[in-house]
Structures are given as structure tokens and as C-alpha cells.
Amino acid sequence: MTTCPIARLTALTQGYGSRRVIEGLDLSIQPGVTGLLGPNGAGKTTLFRALATIAPPQSGGLELFGRVVLGERDVRRVRPRIGYLPQDFGYYPAFSVSDFVRYCAWLREVPSKEAASATEEALAAVGLAGRARDRMKSLSGGMLRRAGIAAAIVGSPSLLLLDEPTVGLDPAQRLDFRDLIRSLARAGAAVVLSTHLVEDVGAACDSVLVLDEGHVVHSGTPQQLAALSTPAAPGDSPLERGYMTVLRDRGSAEGAAC
């Protein structure tokens, strides 16, 4: 039985003004955990902004949860089902951690009778239940990141977009985070994890996409990416060497075509 995709992009073109970052991208995202790898400037954040309905496509199609997103009315219907953690997120420094997460629950239209319990569950999931009354401005960098993850997962969204979520987390917290996103995927969500930490992809992801200059240059399982590893490629693991091999071969192919 084929599972319907959570998100589908068709010939998507996206960028900033006249500068195109992504052009003609076709992509389907299924339930489970997808790792998104790519060098700086590859278009990962631009892709996330399109999937999060923050920036409408310049051209092409966007379909979320089986609904074609054409305008503001469609955006309002799908956005409550999307959780998004950008690399840098805003917050009111005087908010308590609980207030911050509950505010994000309100933005996602979590029913008021469920908002308190959803907030408590999200904070417990990231290990911040004991800091619920602390002010956001008092948190360390790692705790702020965990608060951001809690804000992204509150209300159990169907599509979860996490941009560098483990930055600032210690090794034990990263292990807990991997367990968390696996549990979300088991519940039927699609989790897309953008990171430079290739080992997180190998440990937590069902599939991996490599993005370079706005194009998907590899798609498959982490094991398939690791199998592309060559001895001459830089990296400390087969997965890292496979990733670097994909980027190197793409650069070589483009150089030969010039």
C-alpha cells in the first residue's frame, strides 16, 4: 500500500527578488524522518520557508496534506498542521518558557481546552518541565534550542520542519532528541531535519536528501548514501564520505560540462 505524501512540490521555483535559489524542484515528502543535507547556500532554508508557507512559491506547485496551496485561504487551513523551528527564532524575553510554548500552541490553533496539557507534554518531551516558569531570557543556548523544539512540536503537527535543531545540545540531549523525532514519526508525522551533523542523519533518519544549489542531487536511505563512499573522500564515517562523494562528483560533472 502506497502512503500519500505529506508534502509535494512540483517544478517549484523560489528565491528572493530576482535571485532564484531553487528552480524547477520536484519533491515528495512521506511520513517518517527525512534528513536534509547540503552545504551553506544550497537552498535548505529557502526550501523550509516554502514548505512552512512563509514564502509563497514564485512558480510551481505546493501541495500539503492533499490540499493544493494556492492562496491565503489555503495557507490558513494547512498552517496549524505545520511545526517549524528556524535556525534563529524570535521570542519575548520576559515570557516564561511555558508562556512561550503555549503562545505557539495558540498560534497553531491548538484548542484552548487542550493547550495547557499540550504545553506540558511538549516541555516534558524536551526535558524542560522543571524550567517551565523560568524566563526565556534566563535560558542557556542549549535550553533555548530545546524551548524552540517544544514550540515546534506542541499540538503534534503533521509536518515538522527542524532547521539545525541540535545546535547547542550536549551528546545526551542529542540522543534524547533522536528518540523524540522517532516517536513523532511513529505517530504518523513527517519530520524533515536539516543539519550539518551527518551522524544525526545516520542515527535518526529513514531517508536522506542532499541539496546543492537548489537541486536534489541525491535521494535515498542513509545506507545508500554511505554506500557511495570512496576512500579518497574526506570524512570520519562512511556516511560522511558518501555525502562528500556526492558533492565532489557533482562539482566534477559541472566542471566537465563547462
Protein backbone atom coordinates (compact mmCIF):
# COMPACT_ATOMS: atom_id res chain seq x y z
CA MET A 1 0.00 0.00 0.00
CA THR A 2 1.38 3.39 -1.06
CA THR A 3 1.34 6.11 1.59
CA CYS A 4 0.12 9.51 0.44
CA PRO A 5 2.80 12.17 0.74
CA ILE A 6 2.52 14.79 3.45
CA ALA A 7 4.04 17.39 1.11
CA ARG A 8 4.60 17.55 -2.62
CA LEU A 9 6.49 20.16 -4.62
CA THR A 10 6.09 20.33 -8.40
CA ALA A 11 8.53 22.38 -10.51
CA LEU A 12 8.95 24.73 -7.55
CA THR A 13 10.90 27.91 -8.12
CA GLN A 14 11.71 30.02 -5.08
CA GLY A 15 14.12 32.80 -4.23
CA TYR A 16 14.47 36.38 -3.11
CA GLY A 17 13.52 39.06 -5.60
CA SER A 18 15.19 38.27 -8.90
CA ARG A 19 17.65 35.82 -7.33
CA ARG A 20 16.48 32.24 -7.74
CA VAL A 21 17.69 29.85 -5.06
CA ILE A 22 15.54 26.86 -6.05
CA GLU A 23 14.40 26.30 -9.62
CA GLY A 24 12.19 23.56 -11.03
CA LEU A 25 12.30 21.36 -7.91
CA ASP A 26 10.16 18.23 -7.75
CA LEU A 27 9.98 16.65 -4.31
CA SER A 28 7.68 14.37 -2.32
CA ILE A 29 7.89 14.04 1.47
CA GLN A 30 6.41 10.95 3.11
CA PRO A 31 5.66 10.25 6.78
CA GLY A 32 8.84 9.37 8.64
CA VAL A 33 12.11 11.19 9.28
CA THR A 34 13.88 12.78 6.32
CA GLY A 35 17.36 14.21 6.69
CA LEU A 36 18.26 17.25 4.59
CA LEU A 37 21.96 17.73 3.93
CA GLY A 38 23.76 20.31 1.86
CA PRO A 39 26.47 22.96 2.01
CA ASN A 40 25.75 26.52 3.12
CA GLY A 41 23.78 28.30 0.43
CA ALA A 42 22.34 25.09 -1.01
CA GLY A 43 18.76 26.28 -0.51
CA LYS A 44 17.78 24.32 2.60
CA THR A 45 16.33 27.29 4.50
CA THR A 46 14.59 28.55 1.35
CA LEU A 47 13.01 25.11 0.93
CA PHE A 48 11.85 25.13 4.55
CA ARG A 49 10.29 28.59 4.17
CA ALA A 50 8.32 27.34 1.17
CA LEU A 51 7.16 24.19 2.99
CA ALA A 52 6.22 26.25 6.05
CA THR A 53 4.09 28.54 3.81
CA ILE A 54 6.10 31.55 4.95
CA ALA A 55 7.18 32.44 1.41
CA PRO A 56 4.78 31.55 -1.43
CA PRO A 57 6.40 29.88 -4.46
CA GLN A 58 7.49 32.20 -7.24
CA SER A 59 6.25 29.50 -9.58
CA GLY A 60 5.35 25.83 -9.48
CA GLY A 61 3.05 23.90 -7.20
CA LEU A 62 2.89 23.23 -3.46
CA GLU A 63 0.60 20.57 -2.03
CA LEU A 64 0.28 19.92 1.71
CA PHE A 65 -1.82 17.19 3.33
CA GLY A 66 -3.52 16.54 -0.01
CA ARG A 67 -4.51 20.20 -0.48
CA VAL A 68 -3.09 22.36 -3.25
CA VAL A 69 -1.91 25.59 -1.62
CA LEU A 70 -2.86 28.43 -3.94
CA GLY A 71 -3.55 31.40 -1.70
CA GLU A 72 -4.04 32.80 1.78
CA ARG A 73 -7.19 30.80 2.41
CA ASP A 74 -5.33 27.55 1.77
CA VAL A 75 -2.40 28.72 3.90
CA ARG A 76 -4.70 29.35 6.86
CA ARG A 77 -6.07 25.83 6.59
CA VAL A 78 -2.74 23.99 6.42
CA ARG A 79 -0.55 26.11 8.69
CA PRO A 80 -1.96 24.79 12.00
CA ARG A 81 -0.65 21.34 11.00
CA ILE A 82 2.92 22.59 10.47
CA GLY A 83 5.58 22.88 13.16
CA TYR A 84 8.65 24.92 12.18
CA LEU A 85 11.87 25.58 14.06
CA PRO A 86 14.09 28.02 12.12
CA GLN A 87 17.77 28.42 12.91
CA ASP A 88 17.02 31.70 14.66
CA PHE A 89 13.59 32.11 16.24
CA GLY A 90 12.09 35.09 17.99
CA TYR A 91 10.58 35.23 21.46
CA TYR A 92 9.61 37.72 24.14
CA PRO A 93 12.48 37.63 26.67
CA ALA A 94 10.11 38.21 29.61
CA PHE A 95 7.89 35.27 28.69
CA SER A 96 8.19 32.21 30.85
CA VAL A 97 9.13 29.04 28.98
CA SER A 98 5.58 27.77 29.48
CA ASP A 99 4.08 31.05 28.20
CA PHE A 100 6.26 30.89 25.10
CA VAL A 101 5.26 27.34 24.19
CA ARG A 102 1.60 27.97 24.99
CA TYR A 103 1.66 31.09 22.82
CA CYS A 104 2.97 28.97 19.95
CA ALA A 105 0.17 26.48 20.65
CA TRP A 106 -2.30 29.34 20.31
CA LEU A 107 -0.73 30.39 17.00
CA ARG A 108 -1.15 26.81 15.78
CA GLU A 109 -4.81 26.92 16.83
CA VAL A 110 -4.50 24.13 19.38
CA PRO A 111 -7.94 24.04 21.06
CA SER A 112 -7.92 26.06 24.28
CA LYS A 113 -9.09 23.08 26.35
CA GLU A 114 -6.05 21.12 25.14
CA ALA A 115 -3.43 23.89 25.14
CA ALA A 116 -2.30 23.52 28.76
CA SER A 117 -1.78 19.75 28.58
CA ALA A 118 -0.17 20.04 25.11
CA THR A 119 2.28 22.62 26.50
CA GLU A 120 3.16 20.40 29.45
CA GLU A 121 3.70 17.40 27.17
CA ALA A 122 5.95 19.37 24.81
CA LEU A 123 8.07 20.71 27.67
CA ALA A 124 8.38 17.25 29.21
CA ALA A 125 9.41 15.83 25.82
CA VAL A 126 12.42 18.18 25.63
CA GLY A 127 13.36 17.95 29.31
CA LEU A 128 12.20 21.43 30.31
CA ALA A 129 9.28 20.58 32.60
CA GLY A 130 11.31 21.78 35.57
CA ARG A 131 12.09 25.10 33.89
CA ALA A 132 8.53 25.93 32.81
CA ARG A 133 8.35 29.08 34.96
CA ASP A 134 11.82 30.38 34.09
CA ARG A 135 12.06 33.46 31.89
CA MET A 136 13.18 32.85 28.32
CA LYS A 137 15.94 35.43 28.76
CA SER A 138 17.48 33.34 31.55
CA LEU A 139 17.97 30.20 29.45
CA SER A 140 21.30 28.98 28.14
CA GLY A 141 21.79 28.45 24.41
CA GLY A 142 21.04 24.75 24.64
CA MET A 143 17.92 25.33 26.73
CA LEU A 144 16.70 27.95 24.27
CA ARG A 145 17.08 25.41 21.48
CA ARG A 146 15.06 22.88 23.47
CA ALA A 147 12.37 25.51 24.09
CA GLY A 148 12.26 26.09 20.35
CA ILE A 149 11.84 22.37 19.71
CA ALA A 150 9.00 22.30 22.26
CA ALA A 151 7.32 25.20 20.46
CA ALA A 152 7.64 23.34 17.15
CA ILE A 153 6.16 20.06 18.41
CA VAL A 154 3.36 21.42 20.64
CA GLY A 155 0.00 20.21 19.40
CA SER A 156 1.52 17.28 17.47
CA PRO A 157 1.84 18.81 13.97
CA SER A 158 1.68 16.52 10.93
CA LEU A 159 4.66 18.20 9.24
CA LEU A 160 7.64 19.15 11.40
CA LEU A 161 10.44 21.23 9.89
CA LEU A 162 13.56 21.48 12.04
CA ASP A 163 16.47 23.65 10.91
CA GLU A 164 19.67 22.76 12.80
CA PRO A 165 17.71 21.62 15.88
CA THR A 166 20.63 20.03 17.75
CA VAL A 167 22.94 23.06 17.73
CA GLY A 168 23.92 23.73 21.34
CA LEU A 169 22.66 20.38 22.65
CA ASP A 170 25.05 18.15 24.57
CA PRO A 171 25.52 14.49 23.49
CA ALA A 172 22.91 13.13 25.92
CA GLN A 173 20.36 15.72 24.80
CA ARG A 174 21.03 14.86 21.15
CA LEU A 175 20.29 11.21 21.90
CA ASP A 176 17.04 12.22 23.59
CA PHE A 177 16.18 14.38 20.58
CA ARG A 178 16.65 11.45 18.22
CA ASP A 179 14.29 9.36 20.32
CA LEU A 180 11.76 12.21 20.26
CA ILE A 181 11.64 12.60 16.49
CA ARG A 182 11.45 8.84 16.01
CA SER A 183 8.39 8.78 18.29
CA LEU A 184 6.78 11.61 16.31
CA ALA A 185 7.37 9.71 13.07
CA ARG A 186 5.86 6.56 14.55
CA ALA A 187 2.74 8.60 15.27
CA GLY A 188 2.45 9.37 11.54
CA ALA A 189 4.18 12.75 11.22
CA ALA A 190 6.66 13.74 8.53
CA VAL A 191 9.79 15.17 10.14
CA VAL A 192 12.31 16.99 7.97
CA LEU A 193 15.61 17.56 9.74
CA SER A 194 18.15 19.96 8.23
CA THR A 195 21.59 19.63 9.78
CA HIS A 196 25.33 19.72 9.19
CA LEU A 197 25.73 16.88 11.70
CA VAL A 198 25.75 13.90 9.38
CA GLU A 199 25.78 11.44 12.28
CA ASP A 200 22.32 12.68 13.37
CA VAL A 201 21.01 11.78 9.93
CA GLY A 202 22.50 8.30 10.09
CA ALA A 203 21.11 7.64 13.55
CA ALA A 204 17.61 9.09 13.24
CA CYS A 205 16.50 9.34 9.61
CA ASP A 206 14.66 6.91 7.36
CA SER A 207 15.67 8.77 4.22
CA VAL A 208 18.11 11.50 3.24
CA LEU A 209 18.13 14.23 0.62
CA VAL A 210 21.29 16.04 -0.48
CA LEU A 211 20.58 19.54 -1.76
CA ASP A 212 23.13 21.57 -3.71
CA GLU A 213 22.49 24.87 -5.48
CA GLY A 214 18.75 24.37 -5.20
CA HIS A 215 18.72 20.87 -6.70
CA VAL A 216 18.28 17.48 -5.08
CA VAL A 217 21.47 15.71 -6.12
CA HIS A 218 20.85 12.53 -4.12
CA SER A 219 17.82 10.83 -2.58
CA GLY A 220 17.77 7.53 -0.74
CA THR A 221 18.34 5.88 2.60
CA PRO A 222 21.32 6.74 4.81
CA GLN A 223 22.70 3.29 3.99
CA GLN A 224 22.52 4.02 0.26
CA LEU A 225 24.33 7.32 0.74
CA ALA A 226 27.04 5.61 2.82
CA ALA A 227 27.46 3.01 0.07
CA LEU A 228 28.61 5.79 -2.29
CA SER A 229 31.62 6.42 -0.07
CA THR A 230 35.03 6.39 -1.73
CA PRO A 231 38.32 6.02 0.16
CA ALA A 232 39.62 9.34 -1.15
CA ALA A 233 36.62 11.33 0.08
CA PRO A 234 37.04 13.33 3.30
CA GLY A 235 35.04 12.28 6.35
CA ASP A 236 35.20 10.20 9.52
CA SER A 237 32.43 7.74 8.64
CA PRO A 238 31.08 6.04 5.50
CA LEU A 239 28.04 8.34 5.61
CA GLU A 240 30.16 11.50 5.73
CA ARG A 241 32.37 10.19 2.93
CA GLY A 242 29.32 9.25 0.87
CA TYR A 243 27.93 12.75 1.30
CA MET A 244 31.21 14.36 0.30
CA THR A 245 31.49 12.00 -2.68
CA VAL A 246 28.08 13.14 -3.96
CA LEU A 247 29.09 16.81 -3.69
CA ARG A 248 32.51 16.16 -5.25
CA ASP A 249 31.07 14.19 -8.17
CA ARG A 250 28.50 16.88 -8.81
CA GLY A 251 31.24 19.52 -8.89
CA SER A 252 33.32 17.37 -11.25
CA ALA A 253 30.36 16.84 -13.59
CA GLU A 254 29.61 20.55 -13.71
CA GLY A 255 33.26 21.33 -14.37
CA ALA A 256 33.36 18.84 -17.25
CA ALA A 257 30.24 20.40 -18.78
CA CYS A 258 31.69 23.91 -18.81
